[in-house]
Amino acid sequence: QLQASGGGLVQAGGSLNLSCVASRSVNSRYTMAWYRQRPGNERESVATISGNGVAEYEDDVKGRFTISRDRAKNTVYLQMNNLKPEDTAVYYCNTRPPLPSYWGQGTQVTVSS
């Protein structure tokens, strides 16, 4: 499993930085992604980063979220700025496309208005 961490409660406009530690083999071989599941919704991808560092974002997080990876630490990050109440969700990391066995518990992000 890939364990995400760094979530919490923040006011609208605030920031959080999520982390996800993966094994060296996963972090070096796969496109990695951050996903989220908002209350009552299906899990969705919000940001991906390829093996050569090319990042892509869903429209509603563009300009606010930044995905990055540190190969030396086998870690993928999601810097989230200017958070909105609609960003409230459980956030997960996984490969893209996701591998079922890699879903972890996720980390809760709650944005208050």
C-alpha atoms as a PDB file:
ATOM      1  CA  GLN A   1       0.000   0.000   0.000  1.00  0.00           C
ATOM      2  CA  LEU A   2       0.958   3.604  -0.512  1.00  0.00           C
ATOM      3  CA  GLN A   3       0.350   5.714   2.565  1.00  0.00           C
ATOM      4  CA  ALA A   4      -0.565   9.341   2.172  1.00  0.00           C
ATOM      5  CA  SER A   5      -0.035  11.815   4.991  1.00  0.00           C
ATOM      6  CA  GLY A   6      -0.179  15.524   5.703  1.00  0.00           C
ATOM      7  CA  GLY A   7      -3.898  16.157   5.676  1.00  0.00           C
ATOM      8  CA  GLY A   8      -5.756  18.194   8.245  1.00  0.00           C
ATOM      9  CA  LEU A   9      -8.246  20.943   8.893  1.00  0.00           C
ATOM     10  CA  VAL A  10      -7.550  24.281   7.255  1.00  0.00           C
ATOM     11  CA  GLN A  11      -9.485  27.438   6.533  1.00  0.00           C
ATOM     12  CA  ALA A  12     -10.376  28.435   3.008  1.00  0.00           C
ATOM     13  CA  GLY A  13      -7.394  30.068   1.361  1.00  0.00           C
ATOM     14  CA  GLY A  14      -4.954  28.021   3.388  1.00  0.00           C
ATOM     15  CA  SER A  15      -2.347  25.493   2.294  1.00  0.00           C
ATOM     16  CA  LEU A  16      -1.384  21.899   2.957  1.00  0.00           C
ATOM     17  CA  ASN A  17       1.428  19.712   1.652  1.00  0.00           C
ATOM     18  CA  LEU A  18       0.635  16.033   1.272  1.00  0.00           C
ATOM     19  CA  SER A  19       3.285  13.328   1.118  1.00  0.00           C
ATOM     20  CA  CYS A  20       3.279   9.772  -0.145  1.00  0.00           C
ATOM     21  CA  VAL A  21       6.174   7.399   0.349  1.00  0.00           C
ATOM     22  CA  ALA A  22       6.526   4.637  -2.215  1.00  0.00           C
ATOM     23  CA  SER A  23       9.049   1.909  -2.683  1.00  0.00           C
ATOM     24  CA  ARG A  24      11.985   2.703  -4.922  1.00  0.00           C
ATOM     25  CA  SER A  25      10.728   0.345  -7.610  1.00  0.00           C
ATOM     26  CA  VAL A  26       7.306   2.002  -7.706  1.00  0.00           C
ATOM     27  CA  ASN A  27       8.568   5.553  -7.594  1.00  0.00           C
ATOM     28  CA  SER A  28      11.103   4.995 -10.342  1.00  0.00           C
ATOM     29  CA  ARG A  29       8.965   3.011 -12.758  1.00  0.00           C
ATOM     30  CA  TYR A  30       5.473   4.421 -12.689  1.00  0.00           C
ATOM     31  CA  THR A  31       3.553   7.555 -13.387  1.00  0.00           C
ATOM     32  CA  MET A  32       2.273   8.579  -9.984  1.00  0.00           C
ATOM     33  CA  ALA A  33      -0.931  10.375  -9.182  1.00  0.00           C
ATOM     34  CA  TRP A  34      -2.921  11.957  -6.412  1.00  0.00           C
ATOM     35  CA  TYR A  35      -6.577  11.082  -6.208  1.00  0.00           C
ATOM     36  CA  ARG A  36      -9.363  12.322  -3.995  1.00  0.00           C
ATOM     37  CA  GLN A  37     -12.795  11.153  -2.985  1.00  0.00           C
ATOM     38  CA  ARG A  38     -15.179  13.909  -2.006  1.00  0.00           C
ATOM     39  CA  PRO A  39     -18.217  13.079   0.128  1.00  0.00           C
ATOM     40  CA  GLY A  40     -20.834  11.352  -1.981  1.00  0.00           C
ATOM     41  CA  ASN A  41     -18.563  11.214  -5.043  1.00  0.00           C
ATOM     42  CA  GLU A  42     -16.408   8.630  -6.717  1.00  0.00           C
ATOM     43  CA  ARG A  43     -12.651   8.747  -6.422  1.00  0.00           C
ATOM     44  CA  GLU A  44     -11.077  11.011  -9.025  1.00  0.00           C
ATOM     45  CA  SER A  45      -7.589  11.865 -10.163  1.00  0.00           C
ATOM     46  CA  VAL A  46      -6.452  15.423  -9.474  1.00  0.00           C
ATOM     47  CA  ALA A  47      -2.782  15.425 -10.481  1.00  0.00           C
ATOM     48  CA  THR A  48      -0.286  13.116 -12.149  1.00  0.00           C
ATOM     49  CA  ILE A  49       3.462  13.183 -12.637  1.00  0.00           C
ATOM     50  CA  SER A  50       5.292  11.068 -15.168  1.00  0.00           C
ATOM     51  CA  GLY A  51       8.599   9.347 -14.746  1.00  0.00           C
ATOM     52  CA  ASN A  52      10.372  12.259 -16.395  1.00  0.00           C
ATOM     53  CA  GLY A  53       8.590  14.828 -14.273  1.00  0.00           C
ATOM     54  CA  VAL A  54       5.817  16.023 -16.549  1.00  0.00           C
ATOM     55  CA  ALA A  55       2.830  17.078 -14.444  1.00  0.00           C
ATOM     56  CA  GLU A  56      -0.829  17.253 -15.401  1.00  0.00           C
ATOM     57  CA  TYR A  57      -3.776  18.567 -13.423  1.00  0.00           C
ATOM     58  CA  GLU A  58      -7.519  18.479 -13.441  1.00  0.00           C
ATOM     59  CA  ASP A  59      -9.039  21.823 -14.355  1.00  0.00           C
ATOM     60  CA  ASP A  60     -10.401  22.647 -10.924  1.00  0.00           C
ATOM     61  CA  VAL A  61      -6.987  22.429  -9.241  1.00  0.00           C
ATOM     62  CA  LYS A  62      -4.823  23.992 -11.927  1.00  0.00           C
ATOM     63  CA  GLY A  63      -2.845  26.924 -10.607  1.00  0.00           C
ATOM     64  CA  ARG A  64      -3.506  25.893  -7.004  1.00  0.00           C
ATOM     65  CA  PHE A  65      -2.007  22.403  -6.646  1.00  0.00           C
ATOM     66  CA  THR A  66       1.523  21.297  -7.509  1.00  0.00           C
ATOM     67  CA  ILE A  67       2.616  17.672  -7.748  1.00  0.00           C
ATOM     68  CA  SER A  68       6.281  16.784  -7.422  1.00  0.00           C
ATOM     69  CA  ARG A  69       8.436  13.762  -6.733  1.00  0.00           C
ATOM     70  CA  ASP A  70      11.713  13.296  -4.892  1.00  0.00           C
ATOM     71  CA  ARG A  71      13.395  10.164  -6.183  1.00  0.00           C
ATOM     72  CA  ALA A  72      16.033  10.188  -3.472  1.00  0.00           C
ATOM     73  CA  LYS A  73      13.303  10.012  -0.841  1.00  0.00           C
ATOM     74  CA  ASN A  74      10.936   7.860  -2.908  1.00  0.00           C
ATOM     75  CA  THR A  75       8.274  10.410  -2.116  1.00  0.00           C
ATOM     76  CA  VAL A  76       5.552  12.122  -4.110  1.00  0.00           C
ATOM     77  CA  TYR A  77       4.147  15.420  -2.861  1.00  0.00           C
ATOM     78  CA  LEU A  78       1.037  17.454  -3.453  1.00  0.00           C
ATOM     79  CA  GLN A  79       1.332  21.095  -2.481  1.00  0.00           C
ATOM     80  CA  MET A  80      -2.153  22.532  -2.187  1.00  0.00           C
ATOM     81  CA  ASN A  81      -2.599  26.287  -2.032  1.00  0.00           C
ATOM     82  CA  ASN A  82      -5.639  28.531  -1.927  1.00  0.00           C
ATOM     83  CA  LEU A  83      -7.741  25.640  -0.694  1.00  0.00           C
ATOM     84  CA  LYS A  84     -11.502  25.798  -1.131  1.00  0.00           C
ATOM     85  CA  PRO A  85     -14.280  24.057   0.807  1.00  0.00           C
ATOM     86  CA  GLU A  86     -14.944  21.928  -2.274  1.00  0.00           C
ATOM     87  CA  ASP A  87     -11.433  20.486  -1.939  1.00  0.00           C
ATOM     88  CA  THR A  88     -12.632  18.674   1.188  1.00  0.00           C
ATOM     89  CA  ALA A  89     -11.974  14.993   0.529  1.00  0.00           C
ATOM     90  CA  VAL A  90      -9.892  11.992   1.407  1.00  0.00           C
ATOM     91  CA  TYR A  91      -6.721  12.174  -0.658  1.00  0.00           C
ATOM     92  CA  TYR A  92      -4.841   9.113  -1.876  1.00  0.00           C
ATOM     93  CA  CYS A  93      -1.767   8.433  -3.918  1.00  0.00           C
ATOM     94  CA  ASN A  94      -1.352   5.587  -6.351  1.00  0.00           C
ATOM     95  CA  THR A  95       0.097   4.833  -9.723  1.00  0.00           C
ATOM     96  CA  ARG A  96      -1.660   6.009 -12.861  1.00  0.00           C
ATOM     97  CA  PRO A  97      -3.530   3.931 -13.829  1.00  0.00           C
ATOM     98  CA  PRO A  98      -4.069   2.850 -10.243  1.00  0.00           C
ATOM     99  CA  LEU A  99      -3.037  -0.558  -8.950  1.00  0.00           C
ATOM    100  CA  PRO A 100      -5.754  -1.958  -6.667  1.00  0.00           C
ATOM    101  CA  SER A 101      -3.313  -3.355  -4.120  1.00  0.00           C
ATOM    102  CA  TYR A 102      -1.695   0.047  -3.643  1.00  0.00           C
ATOM    103  CA  TRP A 103      -4.741   1.893  -2.288  1.00  0.00           C
ATOM    104  CA  GLY A 104      -3.995   2.961   1.267  1.00  0.00           C
ATOM    105  CA  GLN A 105      -6.121   4.658   3.917  1.00  0.00           C
ATOM    106  CA  GLY A 106      -5.705   8.096   2.422  1.00  0.00           C
ATOM    107  CA  THR A 107      -5.436  11.322   4.333  1.00  0.00           C
ATOM    108  CA  GLN A 108      -8.389  13.540   5.200  1.00  0.00           C
ATOM    109  CA  VAL A 109      -8.350  17.147   4.052  1.00  0.00           C
ATOM    110  CA  THR A 110     -11.077  19.373   5.430  1.00  0.00           C
ATOM    111  CA  VAL A 111     -11.403  22.973   4.315  1.00  0.00           C
ATOM    112  CA  SER A 112     -13.686  25.195   6.341  1.00  0.00           C
ATOM    113  CA  SER A 113     -15.359  28.265   4.869  1.00  0.00           C
END
